[in-house]
Amino acid sequence: MKTAVIQFPGSNCDGDALHAARLTLDPDAQFVWHTEAGLPSGTELVFVPGGFSYGDHLRSGAIAARSPIMEAVKAHAERGGFVLGVCNGFQVLTEAGLLPGALGRNRDLHFACKPVHLRVENTATAFTSAYSQGQTIEIPIAHGEGNYYADAETVARLEGEGRVVFRYLDNPNGSLNDIAGIVNERGNVLGMMPHPERAVEALLGGEDGRGVFQSLQGALVK
């Protein structure tokens, strides 16, 4: 799956994202700088990585969401292309309108950096089909603003449509309904706060994040 990893000023998980993509999906995965007007020809997956784009100035992801490359990312998503936003990438996707809701300060106002346990809530997506329904997985987090919020109608719609795909078992940040990851209506855009790219090798402490990338590879085969 031809993969492009977006880089913003302040991205600090871009190297992790590129490594995971090259290990699991595309040995030729490449970086794309935020000022570019377009994606490389044939891009199938856009990976918006974690970090602190623009130093989290204004709001996390607010400035990055208005970078030139994001118009191409939106067009890619509208064509049905896959988009994965992790941590700050999730924040960017909500700020860009590709996913509903917003990410606010953690409930205790402290930065959280630790492994957390998630339950896989929906395996009928391009990002989760390699998991089992209800499976518990361990993925690391590293964020200060991961508290997912949306109005009651939006949350009810996400829940009713099966668009909450990952849920915290021990909520580390106060997210409504323990939400850790959601997809858009079409199912081709995933935003999640935990870092699957940091859990793709036993050497890194675990491989539970590998299922996200295996699922995408399976979606390409289909």
C-alpha atoms as a PDB file:
ATOM      1  CA  MET A   1       0.000   0.000   0.000  1.00  0.00           C
ATOM      2  CA  LYS A   2       1.769   3.135  -1.228  1.00  0.00           C
ATOM      3  CA  THR A   3       2.105   5.347   1.830  1.00  0.00           C
ATOM      4  CA  ALA A   4       2.822   9.033   2.391  1.00  0.00           C
ATOM      5  CA  VAL A   5       3.717  10.312   5.872  1.00  0.00           C
ATOM      6  CA  ILE A   6       2.921  13.990   6.321  1.00  0.00           C
ATOM      7  CA  GLN A   7       5.482  16.153   8.146  1.00  0.00           C
ATOM      8  CA  PHE A   8       4.633  19.409   9.902  1.00  0.00           C
ATOM      9  CA  PRO A   9       6.941  21.688  11.876  1.00  0.00           C
ATOM     10  CA  GLY A  10       6.856  20.045  15.300  1.00  0.00           C
ATOM     11  CA  SER A  11       6.062  16.504  14.149  1.00  0.00           C
ATOM     12  CA  ASN A  12       8.070  14.120  16.321  1.00  0.00           C
ATOM     13  CA  CYS A  13       6.502  10.733  15.550  1.00  0.00           C
ATOM     14  CA  ASP A  14       7.048  11.003  11.800  1.00  0.00           C
ATOM     15  CA  GLY A  15      10.095   8.748  11.935  1.00  0.00           C
ATOM     16  CA  ASP A  16       8.149   6.129  13.903  1.00  0.00           C
ATOM     17  CA  ALA A  17       5.308   6.352  11.391  1.00  0.00           C
ATOM     18  CA  LEU A  18       7.642   5.971   8.426  1.00  0.00           C
ATOM     19  CA  HIS A  19       9.414   3.000  10.024  1.00  0.00           C
ATOM     20  CA  ALA A  20       6.125   1.230  10.781  1.00  0.00           C
ATOM     21  CA  ALA A  21       4.799   1.898   7.284  1.00  0.00           C
ATOM     22  CA  ARG A  22       7.972   0.594   5.656  1.00  0.00           C
ATOM     23  CA  LEU A  23       8.011  -2.463   7.906  1.00  0.00           C
ATOM     24  CA  THR A  24       4.376  -3.440   7.375  1.00  0.00           C
ATOM     25  CA  LEU A  25       2.978  -1.808   4.241  1.00  0.00           C
ATOM     26  CA  ASP A  26       5.356  -0.134   1.842  1.00  0.00           C
ATOM     27  CA  PRO A  27       9.175  -0.385   1.846  1.00  0.00           C
ATOM     28  CA  ASP A  28       9.212   2.795  -0.230  1.00  0.00           C
ATOM     29  CA  ALA A  29       6.950   4.859   2.037  1.00  0.00           C
ATOM     30  CA  GLN A  30       8.023   8.498   1.965  1.00  0.00           C
ATOM     31  CA  PHE A  31       7.716  11.781   3.791  1.00  0.00           C
ATOM     32  CA  VAL A  32       5.670  14.644   2.370  1.00  0.00           C
ATOM     33  CA  TRP A  33       6.381  18.143   3.708  1.00  0.00           C
ATOM     34  CA  HIS A  34       3.346  20.175   4.758  1.00  0.00           C
ATOM     35  CA  THR A  35       3.897  22.921   2.168  1.00  0.00           C
ATOM     36  CA  GLU A  36       3.501  20.522  -0.756  1.00  0.00           C
ATOM     37  CA  ALA A  37       0.376  21.055  -2.837  1.00  0.00           C
ATOM     38  CA  GLY A  38      -0.138  17.399  -3.714  1.00  0.00           C
ATOM     39  CA  LEU A  39       0.528  13.820  -2.715  1.00  0.00           C
ATOM     40  CA  PRO A  40       2.902  11.471  -4.573  1.00  0.00           C
ATOM     41  CA  SER A  41       1.252   9.772  -7.528  1.00  0.00           C
ATOM     42  CA  GLY A  42      -0.489   6.552  -6.574  1.00  0.00           C
ATOM     43  CA  THR A  43      -0.697   7.265  -2.838  1.00  0.00           C
ATOM     44  CA  GLU A  44      -3.121   4.874  -1.171  1.00  0.00           C
ATOM     45  CA  LEU A  45      -2.563   5.669   2.514  1.00  0.00           C
ATOM     46  CA  VAL A  46      -1.880   9.067   4.054  1.00  0.00           C
ATOM     47  CA  PHE A  47      -0.414   8.790   7.551  1.00  0.00           C
ATOM     48  CA  VAL A  48      -0.759  11.967   9.646  1.00  0.00           C
ATOM     49  CA  PRO A  49       1.627  11.338  12.557  1.00  0.00           C
ATOM     50  CA  GLY A  50       1.849  12.467  16.145  1.00  0.00           C
ATOM     51  CA  GLY A  51       3.881  15.251  17.649  1.00  0.00           C
ATOM     52  CA  PHE A  52       3.309  18.903  18.417  1.00  0.00           C
ATOM     53  CA  SER A  53       2.620  20.543  15.070  1.00  0.00           C
ATOM     54  CA  TYR A  54       3.373  24.254  15.286  1.00  0.00           C
ATOM     55  CA  GLY A  55       4.064  23.776  18.995  1.00  0.00           C
ATOM     56  CA  ASP A  56       0.331  23.229  19.634  1.00  0.00           C
ATOM     57  CA  HIS A  57      -0.107  26.985  19.139  1.00  0.00           C
ATOM     58  CA  LEU A  58      -3.755  28.124  19.306  1.00  0.00           C
ATOM     59  CA  ARG A  59      -5.111  24.552  19.603  1.00  0.00           C
ATOM     60  CA  SER A  60      -3.463  21.228  18.930  1.00  0.00           C
ATOM     61  CA  GLY A  61      -3.598  20.625  15.174  1.00  0.00           C
ATOM     62  CA  ALA A  62      -5.386  23.899  14.370  1.00  0.00           C
ATOM     63  CA  ILE A  63      -2.617  25.442  12.257  1.00  0.00           C
ATOM     64  CA  ALA A  64      -1.499  22.157  10.683  1.00  0.00           C
ATOM     65  CA  ALA A  65      -5.075  21.549   9.518  1.00  0.00           C
ATOM     66  CA  ARG A  66      -4.735  24.649   7.345  1.00  0.00           C
ATOM     67  CA  SER A  67      -1.433  23.675   5.742  1.00  0.00           C
ATOM     68  CA  PRO A  68      -1.414  23.409   1.917  1.00  0.00           C
ATOM     69  CA  ILE A  69      -1.015  19.610   1.936  1.00  0.00           C
ATOM     70  CA  MET A  70      -4.274  19.162   3.839  1.00  0.00           C
ATOM     71  CA  GLU A  71      -6.320  20.127   0.789  1.00  0.00           C
ATOM     72  CA  ALA A  72      -4.746  17.188  -1.007  1.00  0.00           C
ATOM     73  CA  VAL A  73      -5.408  14.946   2.010  1.00  0.00           C
ATOM     74  CA  LYS A  74      -9.071  15.972   2.024  1.00  0.00           C
ATOM     75  CA  ALA A  75      -9.354  15.285  -1.705  1.00  0.00           C
ATOM     76  CA  HIS A  76      -7.680  11.912  -1.194  1.00  0.00           C
ATOM     77  CA  ALA A  77     -10.213  11.014   1.508  1.00  0.00           C
ATOM     78  CA  GLU A  78     -13.117  12.171  -0.650  1.00  0.00           C
ATOM     79  CA  ARG A  79     -11.918   9.797  -3.389  1.00  0.00           C
ATOM     80  CA  GLY A  80     -12.029   6.932  -0.905  1.00  0.00           C
ATOM     81  CA  GLY A  81      -8.303   6.885  -0.142  1.00  0.00           C
ATOM     82  CA  PHE A  82      -7.210   5.770   3.315  1.00  0.00           C
ATOM     83  CA  VAL A  83      -6.157   8.298   5.958  1.00  0.00           C
ATOM     84  CA  LEU A  84      -4.707   7.378   9.363  1.00  0.00           C
ATOM     85  CA  GLY A  85      -4.259  10.128  11.948  1.00  0.00           C
ATOM     86  CA  VAL A  86      -2.513   9.220  15.204  1.00  0.00           C
ATOM     87  CA  CYS A  87      -2.357  11.428  18.306  1.00  0.00           C
ATOM     88  CA  ASN A  88      -1.636  14.915  16.942  1.00  0.00           C
ATOM     89  CA  GLY A  89      -2.711  13.481  13.597  1.00  0.00           C
ATOM     90  CA  PHE A  90      -6.133  12.725  15.111  1.00  0.00           C
ATOM     91  CA  GLN A  91      -6.273  16.312  16.342  1.00  0.00           C
ATOM     92  CA  VAL A  92      -5.380  17.568  12.864  1.00  0.00           C
ATOM     93  CA  LEU A  93      -8.134  15.459  11.283  1.00  0.00           C
ATOM     94  CA  THR A  94     -10.778  16.863  13.628  1.00  0.00           C
ATOM     95  CA  GLU A  95      -9.554  20.409  13.041  1.00  0.00           C
ATOM     96  CA  ALA A  96      -9.665  19.800   9.280  1.00  0.00           C
ATOM     97  CA  GLY A  97     -13.240  18.518   9.458  1.00  0.00           C
ATOM     98  CA  LEU A  98     -12.343  15.009   8.321  1.00  0.00           C
ATOM     99  CA  LEU A  99     -13.583  13.589  11.624  1.00  0.00           C
ATOM    100  CA  PRO A 100     -16.161  14.960  14.074  1.00  0.00           C
ATOM    101  CA  GLY A 101     -15.507  16.194  17.590  1.00  0.00           C
ATOM    102  CA  ALA A 102     -12.443  17.685  19.229  1.00  0.00           C
ATOM    103  CA  LEU A 103      -9.578  16.721  21.531  1.00  0.00           C
ATOM    104  CA  GLY A 104      -9.143  18.772  24.698  1.00  0.00           C
ATOM    105  CA  ARG A 105      -6.812  18.815  27.671  1.00  0.00           C
ATOM    106  CA  ASN A 106      -6.524  15.587  29.613  1.00  0.00           C
ATOM    107  CA  ARG A 107      -8.916  15.453  32.549  1.00  0.00           C
ATOM    108  CA  ASP A 108      -6.120  15.717  35.141  1.00  0.00           C
ATOM    109  CA  LEU A 109      -4.220  18.320  33.063  1.00  0.00           C
ATOM    110  CA  HIS A 110      -1.127  16.080  33.036  1.00  0.00           C
ATOM    111  CA  PHE A 111       0.727  14.691  30.031  1.00  0.00           C
ATOM    112  CA  ALA A 112       0.087  10.935  29.831  1.00  0.00           C
ATOM    113  CA  CYS A 113       2.794   8.629  28.488  1.00  0.00           C
ATOM    114  CA  LYS A 114       2.286   4.919  29.143  1.00  0.00           C
ATOM    115  CA  PRO A 115       0.883   1.709  27.667  1.00  0.00           C
ATOM    116  CA  VAL A 116      -2.912   1.513  27.796  1.00  0.00           C
ATOM    117  CA  HIS A 117      -5.397  -1.257  27.144  1.00  0.00           C
ATOM    118  CA  LEU A 118      -7.989  -0.852  24.410  1.00  0.00           C
ATOM    119  CA  ARG A 119     -10.947  -2.932  23.368  1.00  0.00           C
ATOM    120  CA  VAL A 120     -11.511  -3.397  19.641  1.00  0.00           C
ATOM    121  CA  GLU A 121     -15.145  -2.407  19.187  1.00  0.00           C
ATOM    122  CA  ASN A 122     -15.660  -2.900  15.450  1.00  0.00           C
ATOM    123  CA  THR A 123     -13.664  -5.221  13.215  1.00  0.00           C
ATOM    124  CA  ALA A 124     -15.655  -4.435  10.077  1.00  0.00           C
ATOM    125  CA  THR A 125     -13.345  -1.600   9.029  1.00  0.00           C
ATOM    126  CA  ALA A 126     -10.276  -1.330   6.832  1.00  0.00           C
ATOM    127  CA  PHE A 127      -8.200  -0.537   9.935  1.00  0.00           C
ATOM    128  CA  THR A 128      -9.397  -3.264  12.318  1.00  0.00           C
ATOM    129  CA  SER A 129     -10.270  -6.400  10.330  1.00  0.00           C
ATOM    130  CA  ALA A 130      -7.101  -8.191  11.486  1.00  0.00           C
ATOM    131  CA  TYR A 131      -8.322  -8.055  15.090  1.00  0.00           C
ATOM    132  CA  SER A 132     -11.047 -10.089  16.800  1.00  0.00           C
ATOM    133  CA  GLN A 133     -14.269  -8.458  17.952  1.00  0.00           C
ATOM    134  CA  GLY A 134     -13.857  -7.423  21.576  1.00  0.00           C
ATOM    135  CA  GLN A 135     -10.127  -8.170  21.575  1.00  0.00           C
ATOM    136  CA  THR A 136      -8.053  -6.393  24.220  1.00  0.00           C
ATOM    137  CA  ILE A 137      -4.827  -4.872  22.938  1.00  0.00           C
ATOM    138  CA  GLU A 138      -2.039  -2.850  24.538  1.00  0.00           C
ATOM    139  CA  ILE A 139      -0.880   0.306  22.749  1.00  0.00           C
ATOM    140  CA  PRO A 140       1.196   3.204  24.120  1.00  0.00           C
ATOM    141  CA  ILE A 141      -0.108   6.749  24.474  1.00  0.00           C
ATOM    142  CA  ALA A 142       1.805  10.045  24.696  1.00  0.00           C
ATOM    143  CA  HIS A 143      -0.434  13.093  24.834  1.00  0.00           C
ATOM    144  CA  GLY A 144      -1.571  16.050  26.889  1.00  0.00           C
ATOM    145  CA  GLU A 145      -4.712  16.757  24.881  1.00  0.00           C
ATOM    146  CA  GLY A 146      -6.408  13.442  24.203  1.00  0.00           C
ATOM    147  CA  ASN A 147      -9.745  14.057  25.899  1.00  0.00           C
ATOM    148  CA  TYR A 148     -12.252  13.331  23.118  1.00  0.00           C
ATOM    149  CA  TYR A 149     -15.378  15.466  23.128  1.00  0.00           C
ATOM    150  CA  ALA A 150     -18.375  15.873  20.840  1.00  0.00           C
ATOM    151  CA  ASP A 151     -21.963  16.952  21.364  1.00  0.00           C
ATOM    152  CA  ALA A 152     -24.445  14.330  22.519  1.00  0.00           C
ATOM    153  CA  GLU A 153     -26.009  13.909  19.074  1.00  0.00           C
ATOM    154  CA  THR A 154     -22.634  13.291  17.440  1.00  0.00           C
ATOM    155  CA  VAL A 155     -21.565  10.788  20.095  1.00  0.00           C
ATOM    156  CA  ALA A 156     -24.876   8.944  19.758  1.00  0.00           C
ATOM    157  CA  ARG A 157     -24.403   8.790  15.991  1.00  0.00           C
ATOM    158  CA  LEU A 158     -20.831   7.493  16.323  1.00  0.00           C
ATOM    159  CA  GLU A 159     -21.988   4.813  18.725  1.00  0.00           C
ATOM    160  CA  GLY A 160     -25.074   3.883  16.722  1.00  0.00           C
ATOM    161  CA  GLU A 161     -23.160   3.595  13.458  1.00  0.00           C
ATOM    162  CA  GLY A 162     -20.349   1.518  14.950  1.00  0.00           C
ATOM    163  CA  ARG A 163     -17.798   4.235  14.270  1.00  0.00           C
ATOM    164  CA  VAL A 164     -16.112   3.970  17.662  1.00  0.00           C
ATOM    165  CA  VAL A 165     -13.517   1.362  16.751  1.00  0.00           C
ATOM    166  CA  PHE A 166     -11.204   1.534  19.788  1.00  0.00           C
ATOM    167  CA  ARG A 167     -12.260   2.164  23.387  1.00  0.00           C
ATOM    168  CA  TYR A 168     -10.122   2.650  26.495  1.00  0.00           C
ATOM    169  CA  LEU A 169     -10.524   0.041  29.212  1.00  0.00           C
ATOM    170  CA  ASP A 170      -8.931   2.376  31.763  1.00  0.00           C
ATOM    171  CA  ASN A 171      -9.634   5.866  30.461  1.00  0.00           C
ATOM    172  CA  PRO A 172      -6.394   7.892  30.817  1.00  0.00           C
ATOM    173  CA  ASN A 173      -7.692  11.281  29.715  1.00  0.00           C
ATOM    174  CA  GLY A 174     -11.431  11.662  30.352  1.00  0.00           C
ATOM    175  CA  SER A 175     -12.646  10.982  26.812  1.00  0.00           C
ATOM    176  CA  LEU A 176     -16.407  10.723  26.477  1.00  0.00           C
ATOM    177  CA  ASN A 177     -17.585   7.101  26.398  1.00  0.00           C
ATOM    178  CA  ASP A 178     -13.913   6.035  26.756  1.00  0.00           C
ATOM    179  CA  ILE A 179     -13.433   6.785  23.051  1.00  0.00           C
ATOM    180  CA  ALA A 180      -9.882   6.112  21.820  1.00  0.00           C
ATOM    181  CA  GLY A 181     -10.421   5.946  18.050  1.00  0.00           C
ATOM    182  CA  ILE A 182     -13.150   6.675  15.510  1.00  0.00           C
ATOM    183  CA  VAL A 183     -13.720   6.395  11.771  1.00  0.00           C
ATOM    184  CA  ASN A 184     -15.607   8.657   9.392  1.00  0.00           C
ATOM    185  CA  GLU A 185     -18.940   7.683   7.845  1.00  0.00           C
ATOM    186  CA  ARG A 186     -17.284   6.070   4.843  1.00  0.00           C
ATOM    187  CA  GLY A 187     -14.854   4.129   7.010  1.00  0.00           C
ATOM    188  CA  ASN A 188     -11.716   5.203   5.146  1.00  0.00           C
ATOM    189  CA  VAL A 189     -10.447   7.746   7.712  1.00  0.00           C
ATOM    190  CA  LEU A 190      -9.336   6.669  11.189  1.00  0.00           C
ATOM    191  CA  GLY A 191      -8.257   8.923  14.017  1.00  0.00           C
ATOM    192  CA  MET A 192      -6.876   7.457  17.242  1.00  0.00           C
ATOM    193  CA  MET A 193      -4.899   8.838  20.170  1.00  0.00           C
ATOM    194  CA  PRO A 194      -2.849   5.687  21.017  1.00  0.00           C
ATOM    195  CA  HIS A 195       0.208   5.019  18.836  1.00  0.00           C
ATOM    196  CA  PRO A 196      -0.051   1.734  16.873  1.00  0.00           C
ATOM    197  CA  GLU A 197       3.176   2.581  15.022  1.00  0.00           C
ATOM    198  CA  ARG A 198       5.017   2.244  18.341  1.00  0.00           C
ATOM    199  CA  ALA A 199       3.743  -1.298  18.820  1.00  0.00           C
ATOM    200  CA  VAL A 200       4.697  -3.138  15.647  1.00  0.00           C
ATOM    201  CA  GLU A 201       7.768  -5.043  16.882  1.00  0.00           C
ATOM    202  CA  ALA A 202       8.512  -7.139  19.944  1.00  0.00           C
ATOM    203  CA  LEU A 203      11.726  -5.119  20.248  1.00  0.00           C
ATOM    204  CA  LEU A 204       9.567  -2.069  20.973  1.00  0.00           C
ATOM    205  CA  GLY A 205       7.679  -3.854  23.726  1.00  0.00           C
ATOM    206  CA  GLY A 206       4.751  -5.312  21.821  1.00  0.00           C
ATOM    207  CA  GLU A 207       3.137  -5.959  18.464  1.00  0.00           C
ATOM    208  CA  ASP A 208      -0.513  -5.210  19.150  1.00  0.00           C
ATOM    209  CA  GLY A 209      -0.462  -2.146  16.910  1.00  0.00           C
ATOM    210  CA  ARG A 210       0.542  -4.228  13.926  1.00  0.00           C
ATOM    211  CA  GLY A 211      -3.083  -5.223  13.361  1.00  0.00           C
ATOM    212  CA  VAL A 212      -3.929  -1.729  12.124  1.00  0.00           C
ATOM    213  CA  PHE A 213      -1.396  -2.062   9.323  1.00  0.00           C
ATOM    214  CA  GLN A 214      -2.219  -5.697   8.580  1.00  0.00           C
ATOM    215  CA  SER A 215      -5.844  -4.683   8.241  1.00  0.00           C
ATOM    216  CA  LEU A 216      -4.931  -1.980   5.726  1.00  0.00           C
ATOM    217  CA  GLN A 217      -2.892  -4.467   3.720  1.00  0.00           C
ATOM    218  CA  GLY A 218      -5.894  -6.766   3.683  1.00  0.00           C
ATOM    219  CA  ALA A 219      -8.134  -3.912   2.560  1.00  0.00           C
ATOM    220  CA  LEU A 220      -5.814  -3.300  -0.385  1.00  0.00           C
ATOM    221  CA  VAL A 221      -5.985  -6.950  -1.435  1.00  0.00           C
ATOM    222  CA  LYS A 222      -9.784  -6.783  -1.417  1.00  0.00           C
END
